[in-house]
Amino acid sequence: MSRFDAWLHNPDVRYVTGALVSWPVYGVLYKALLDVFNRHYAASAGLAWMLSYAVVYAFQKYGTFGKLSRDAMLREIALYAVAVVASSAAVNFGLVKLLADVDPTLNKFIAVAAATIPAALLAWFVSTRILRIGNLD
């Protein structure tokens, strides 16, 4: 087992690694979606969050792809989409909207960055503790 494989054996490490890789993806998607949604910060942040979580899911599944049947994998993806992505995107969207409404002078990028932390913590907890995505046990 390589050092990289041993390091990624822990589901929490895989989640954090995926989150760190997905945040630049999130930032790029957020900037791109701002133009698409005519500068609606919360909508852009929420959709970018959902799309970037595909990266996190791929990291969480590292080493466990192929261990589930097709039906079980589809069920897991559906659960992940609802329980992890949708709930954390709702937190992200809500916090961005709240921060933008409470203080209109607040830099929108700071509001988006601040909203990622509680949303990521919720996603981590649900995916690793409740759904146990990518557990090697």
Protein backbone atom coordinates (compact mmCIF):
# COMPACT_ATOMS: atom_id res chain seq x y z
CA MET A 1 0.00 0.00 0.00
CA SER A 2 1.46 3.33 -1.02
CA ARG A 3 1.78 6.18 1.42
CA PHE A 4 -0.96 8.07 -0.45
CA ASP A 5 -3.33 5.08 -0.18
CA ALA A 6 -2.60 4.66 3.52
CA TRP A 7 -3.22 8.36 4.12
CA LEU A 8 -6.55 8.22 2.28
CA HIS A 9 -7.70 5.15 4.21
CA ASN A 10 -9.44 7.40 6.77
CA PRO A 11 -12.87 8.69 5.57
CA ASP A 12 -12.36 12.02 7.37
CA VAL A 13 -9.08 12.58 5.57
CA ARG A 14 -10.73 11.76 2.24
CA TYR A 15 -13.54 14.21 3.00
CA VAL A 16 -11.17 17.03 3.97
CA THR A 17 -8.98 16.37 0.93
CA GLY A 18 -12.02 16.42 -1.34
CA ALA A 19 -13.30 19.60 0.29
CA LEU A 20 -9.94 21.34 -0.13
CA VAL A 21 -9.83 20.33 -3.80
CA SER A 22 -13.49 21.28 -4.34
CA TRP A 23 -13.22 24.79 -2.88
CA PRO A 24 -11.23 26.20 -5.83
CA VAL A 25 -13.77 24.47 -8.10
CA TYR A 26 -16.51 26.12 -6.05
CA GLY A 27 -14.84 29.52 -6.43
CA VAL A 28 -14.48 29.21 -10.20
CA LEU A 29 -18.06 27.99 -10.58
CA TYR A 30 -19.32 30.76 -8.32
CA LYS A 31 -17.59 33.44 -10.40
CA ALA A 32 -18.90 31.89 -13.64
CA LEU A 33 -22.45 31.56 -12.33
CA LEU A 34 -22.54 35.18 -11.18
CA ASP A 35 -22.71 36.17 -14.84
CA VAL A 36 -25.31 33.52 -15.64
CA PHE A 37 -27.61 34.48 -12.76
CA ASN A 38 -27.20 38.22 -13.31
CA ARG A 39 -25.22 38.80 -10.10
CA HIS A 40 -27.57 36.94 -7.74
CA TYR A 41 -24.99 35.95 -5.14
CA ALA A 42 -26.99 33.43 -3.15
CA ALA A 43 -28.25 31.50 -6.19
CA SER A 44 -24.77 31.39 -7.68
CA ALA A 45 -23.26 30.23 -4.39
CA GLY A 46 -25.89 27.53 -3.87
CA LEU A 47 -25.61 26.03 -7.33
CA ALA A 48 -21.80 26.21 -7.36
CA TRP A 49 -21.80 24.46 -3.99
CA MET A 50 -23.95 21.61 -5.29
CA LEU A 51 -21.82 21.12 -8.39
CA SER A 52 -18.52 21.25 -6.50
CA TYR A 53 -19.66 18.52 -4.13
CA ALA A 54 -19.28 15.97 -6.93
CA VAL A 55 -15.53 16.37 -6.32
CA VAL A 56 -15.95 15.72 -2.61
CA TYR A 57 -18.04 12.62 -3.30
CA ALA A 58 -15.39 11.26 -5.67
CA PHE A 59 -12.71 11.70 -3.00
CA GLN A 60 -14.92 10.09 -0.36
CA LYS A 61 -15.46 7.08 -2.58
CA TYR A 62 -11.71 6.66 -3.28
CA GLY A 63 -10.86 3.03 -2.73
CA THR A 64 -14.50 2.00 -2.33
CA PHE A 65 -15.73 2.27 -5.92
CA GLY A 66 -17.01 -1.08 -7.11
CA LYS A 67 -17.77 -2.43 -3.64
CA LEU A 68 -21.49 -1.66 -3.99
CA SER A 69 -23.98 -3.13 -6.40
CA ARG A 70 -25.39 -0.83 -9.07
CA ASP A 71 -28.66 -0.39 -7.17
CA ALA A 72 -26.86 0.28 -3.90
CA MET A 73 -24.61 2.84 -5.60
CA LEU A 74 -27.59 4.67 -7.13
CA ARG A 75 -29.31 4.65 -3.74
CA GLU A 76 -26.18 6.03 -2.10
CA ILE A 77 -25.83 8.78 -4.72
CA ALA A 78 -29.48 9.74 -4.23
CA LEU A 79 -29.06 9.83 -0.44
CA TYR A 80 -25.87 11.85 -0.81
CA ALA A 81 -27.58 14.31 -3.15
CA VAL A 82 -30.43 14.91 -0.74
CA ALA A 83 -28.86 14.52 2.69
CA VAL A 84 -25.44 16.03 2.06
CA VAL A 85 -25.53 18.23 -1.01
CA ALA A 86 -29.02 19.68 -0.71
CA SER A 87 -28.85 20.28 3.04
CA SER A 88 -25.42 21.87 2.95
CA ALA A 89 -26.36 23.91 -0.14
CA ALA A 90 -29.43 25.17 1.73
CA VAL A 91 -27.19 26.26 4.61
CA ASN A 92 -24.75 27.85 2.17
CA PHE A 93 -27.51 29.63 0.23
CA GLY A 94 -29.28 30.77 3.40
CA LEU A 95 -26.16 32.12 5.06
CA VAL A 96 -25.03 33.98 1.94
CA LYS A 97 -28.50 35.50 1.61
CA LEU A 98 -28.65 36.35 5.32
CA LEU A 99 -25.20 37.93 5.39
CA ALA A 100 -25.92 39.93 2.22
CA ASP A 101 -29.27 41.15 3.60
CA VAL A 102 -28.01 41.99 7.09
CA ASP A 103 -25.06 44.06 5.88
CA PRO A 104 -25.38 45.24 2.26
CA THR A 105 -21.92 46.85 2.51
CA LEU A 106 -20.33 43.48 3.30
CA ASN A 107 -18.11 42.20 0.52
CA LYS A 108 -20.10 39.42 -1.16
CA PHE A 109 -17.04 37.23 -1.58
CA ILE A 110 -16.41 37.39 2.17
CA ALA A 111 -20.04 36.41 2.79
CA VAL A 112 -19.69 33.47 0.41
CA ALA A 113 -16.43 32.36 2.04
CA ALA A 114 -17.92 32.67 5.55
CA ALA A 115 -20.94 30.60 4.54
CA THR A 116 -18.81 27.71 3.31
CA ILE A 117 -17.53 26.79 6.76
CA PRO A 118 -20.83 25.84 8.48
CA ALA A 119 -22.10 24.27 5.24
CA ALA A 120 -18.95 22.15 4.93
CA LEU A 121 -19.16 21.08 8.58
CA LEU A 122 -22.76 19.98 8.09
CA ALA A 123 -21.82 18.10 4.91
CA TRP A 124 -18.88 16.43 6.66
CA PHE A 125 -21.01 15.31 9.60
CA VAL A 126 -23.85 13.94 7.49
CA SER A 127 -21.65 12.19 4.95
CA THR A 128 -19.07 10.65 7.31
CA ARG A 129 -21.09 10.12 10.49
CA ILE A 130 -24.66 9.49 9.36
CA LEU A 131 -24.36 8.06 5.85
CA ARG A 132 -20.81 6.74 6.39
CA ILE A 133 -19.90 7.35 2.73
CA GLY A 134 -16.65 5.69 1.73
CA ASN A 135 -16.20 3.64 4.89
CA LEU A 136 -13.76 0.83 4.25
CA ASP A 137 -15.11 -1.29 7.11
